[in-house]
Amino acid sequence: MGNMMEPDLPKPEPPYEPQFDPMLGFPNGRKVRTVKTTIEEMESAAVPPNLRDYCIDDYMKFLHCRQDYFPLVYKCKHEVHAYHNCLFEDHVIRMKECEREARLKKLAEKKAAVA
């Protein structure tokens, strides 16, 4: 079942490939999202592959904090909050991109119907 307000919108998945030019509508370009953590650091920390995404830097900070304060893990609440906030912001960005793709698809269909 879908949302009753907009039932035909697609839902994004993490390995989502855009159908339209990602720079379309951004004359000054987009903000580059980078990851500082290397693959070797992720493997040495035994990070599962499903957590190796844009928010890995915040997750690694949490792992380091947890290692430093182990019995008192509650002292790492700021790192956990930063990680969860990053996950939320990443989800919002992916949803906005999915909605943008849906709008561009509808616009392309209208142009094709008129022509």
Protein backbone atom coordinates (compact mmCIF):
# COMPACT_ATOMS: atom_id res chain seq x y z
CA MET A 1 0.00 0.00 0.00
CA GLY A 2 1.19 3.54 -0.54
CA ASN A 3 0.57 6.92 0.87
CA MET A 4 -3.05 7.96 0.34
CA MET A 5 -2.02 11.50 -0.65
CA GLU A 6 0.52 10.52 -3.33
CA PRO A 7 0.22 6.78 -4.05
CA ASP A 8 2.26 6.74 -7.29
CA LEU A 9 5.54 8.16 -5.96
CA PRO A 10 8.45 5.72 -6.07
CA LYS A 11 10.36 4.98 -2.91
CA PRO A 12 14.15 5.42 -3.09
CA GLU A 13 16.56 2.68 -2.22
CA PRO A 14 20.21 3.32 -1.30
CA PRO A 15 21.67 2.13 -4.64
CA TYR A 16 19.38 4.48 -6.57
CA GLU A 17 20.51 5.51 -10.07
CA PRO A 18 19.12 8.84 -11.31
CA GLN A 19 17.33 8.81 -14.66
CA PHE A 20 17.90 12.52 -15.33
CA ASP A 21 20.97 14.74 -15.23
CA PRO A 22 21.79 15.30 -11.52
CA MET A 23 22.98 18.84 -12.29
CA LEU A 24 19.74 19.83 -14.06
CA GLY A 25 18.32 22.83 -12.22
CA PHE A 26 21.51 23.54 -10.27
CA PRO A 27 23.31 26.33 -12.17
CA ASN A 28 25.97 26.74 -9.44
CA GLY A 29 26.45 23.01 -8.94
CA ARG A 30 25.63 20.82 -5.97
CA LYS A 31 27.34 20.37 -2.65
CA VAL A 32 29.81 17.49 -2.86
CA ARG A 33 29.18 14.82 -0.25
CA THR A 34 32.44 13.15 0.74
CA VAL A 35 33.48 10.37 3.09
CA LYS A 36 36.80 10.65 4.92
CA THR A 37 36.92 7.10 6.30
CA THR A 38 38.87 4.70 4.11
CA ILE A 39 37.92 1.13 3.27
CA GLU A 40 40.89 -0.13 5.29
CA GLU A 41 39.67 1.73 8.39
CA MET A 42 36.19 0.29 7.93
CA GLU A 43 37.57 -3.24 7.59
CA SER A 44 39.84 -2.87 10.61
CA ALA A 45 36.87 -1.67 12.69
CA ALA A 46 34.79 -4.62 11.39
CA VAL A 47 32.02 -2.32 10.14
CA PRO A 48 29.33 -4.39 8.37
CA PRO A 49 28.90 -3.57 4.66
CA ASN A 50 25.34 -2.34 5.15
CA LEU A 51 26.62 0.49 7.40
CA ARG A 52 29.28 1.66 4.94
CA ASP A 53 27.44 4.66 3.61
CA TYR A 54 27.62 8.45 3.69
CA CYS A 55 27.33 8.52 7.53
CA ILE A 56 30.28 6.23 8.19
CA ASP A 57 32.40 9.09 9.55
CA ASP A 58 29.93 9.74 12.38
CA TYR A 59 29.60 6.01 13.02
CA MET A 60 33.38 5.68 13.31
CA LYS A 61 33.45 8.56 15.82
CA PHE A 62 30.86 6.67 17.84
CA LEU A 63 32.93 3.47 17.71
CA HIS A 64 36.03 5.31 18.91
CA CYS A 65 34.09 6.95 21.73
CA ARG A 66 32.59 3.62 22.73
CA GLN A 67 36.06 2.10 22.83
CA ASP A 68 37.39 4.97 24.96
CA TYR A 69 34.54 5.00 27.50
CA PHE A 70 33.46 1.35 27.31
CA PRO A 71 31.71 0.66 30.56
CA LEU A 72 30.25 4.18 30.48
CA VAL A 73 28.86 4.12 26.95
CA TYR A 74 26.24 6.73 27.87
CA LYS A 75 29.03 9.33 27.56
CA CYS A 76 28.86 8.80 23.80
CA LYS A 77 25.32 10.08 23.46
CA HIS A 78 26.47 13.08 21.41
CA GLU A 79 28.19 10.83 18.88
CA VAL A 80 25.11 8.60 18.64
CA HIS A 81 22.93 11.66 18.14
CA ALA A 82 25.25 12.98 15.41
CA TYR A 83 25.13 9.59 13.66
CA HIS A 84 21.33 9.38 13.81
CA ASN A 85 21.04 12.97 12.63
CA CYS A 86 23.28 12.15 9.66
CA LEU A 87 21.11 9.14 8.80
CA PHE A 88 18.00 11.31 8.94
CA GLU A 89 19.54 14.04 6.76
CA ASP A 90 20.74 11.42 4.26
CA HIS A 91 17.23 9.97 4.09
CA VAL A 92 15.74 13.44 3.53
CA ILE A 93 18.23 14.13 0.71
CA ARG A 94 17.41 10.79 -0.95
CA MET A 95 13.66 11.44 -0.65
CA LYS A 96 14.04 14.93 -2.13
CA GLU A 97 16.05 13.49 -5.01
CA CYS A 98 13.42 10.81 -5.58
CA GLU A 99 10.64 13.41 -5.62
CA ARG A 100 12.70 15.57 -7.99
CA GLU A 101 13.07 12.59 -10.33
CA ALA A 102 9.31 11.97 -10.17
CA ARG A 103 8.57 15.61 -11.04
CA LEU A 104 11.05 15.54 -13.94
CA LYS A 105 9.50 12.30 -15.18
CA LYS A 106 6.00 13.82 -15.13
CA LEU A 107 7.32 16.90 -16.94
CA ALA A 108 8.97 14.72 -19.61
CA GLU A 109 5.72 12.77 -20.05
CA LYS A 110 3.76 16.01 -20.48
CA LYS A 111 6.25 17.27 -23.07
CA ALA A 112 6.06 13.94 -24.93
CA ALA A 113 2.25 14.06 -24.93
CA VAL A 114 2.20 17.61 -26.31
CA ALA A 115 4.76 16.89 -29.04
